Amino acid sequence: DLKEDQDTCCAKNQMCKDVCTGDFVTAEGKEKVSCLGAKCSDEEKKTCCAKKAACTKDICPAKSTLKPKAGTCAGAKCTEKADAETCCTVPATCNKDACGKGFVLKTDKSLKCKTDKCTTAT
């Protein structure tokens, strides 16, 4: 029976999506590409994989900044949706700690402090 003989005698070609590790991700358009052998050659890995992109400020939402030790994005390109949490310091929502004597917290819940921690009024 073909299926049984195939399972016994043959190995499935390795897929590009199964070889990229560490700082590398499957290159765009290579998710369904298979290598020529049971293991991808070093040459094939070069075309299968792309280096993860370094975090950049341009994907950070308004009022947020690049983290001091921001690393790499999830993929070969950074996107706000996938990488903002990893790359960016998101400003904290305003809280009463920022209000000193004679001040009250504004009712607008969308207001943000300058950094990820509101400055505490003394």
Foldseek 3Di string as FASTA:
>chain_A
DVVVCCVVPHADFAALQPPDDDQKGFDPPRRGPGAPHNDHDPVRNVNGIAGFAFDDQVQAPPLKGFDPCQGGFPHNDHHVVRPNVRTIFDFAFDDQQLPDPPDGDDPPRVHGANTNDRDGDD
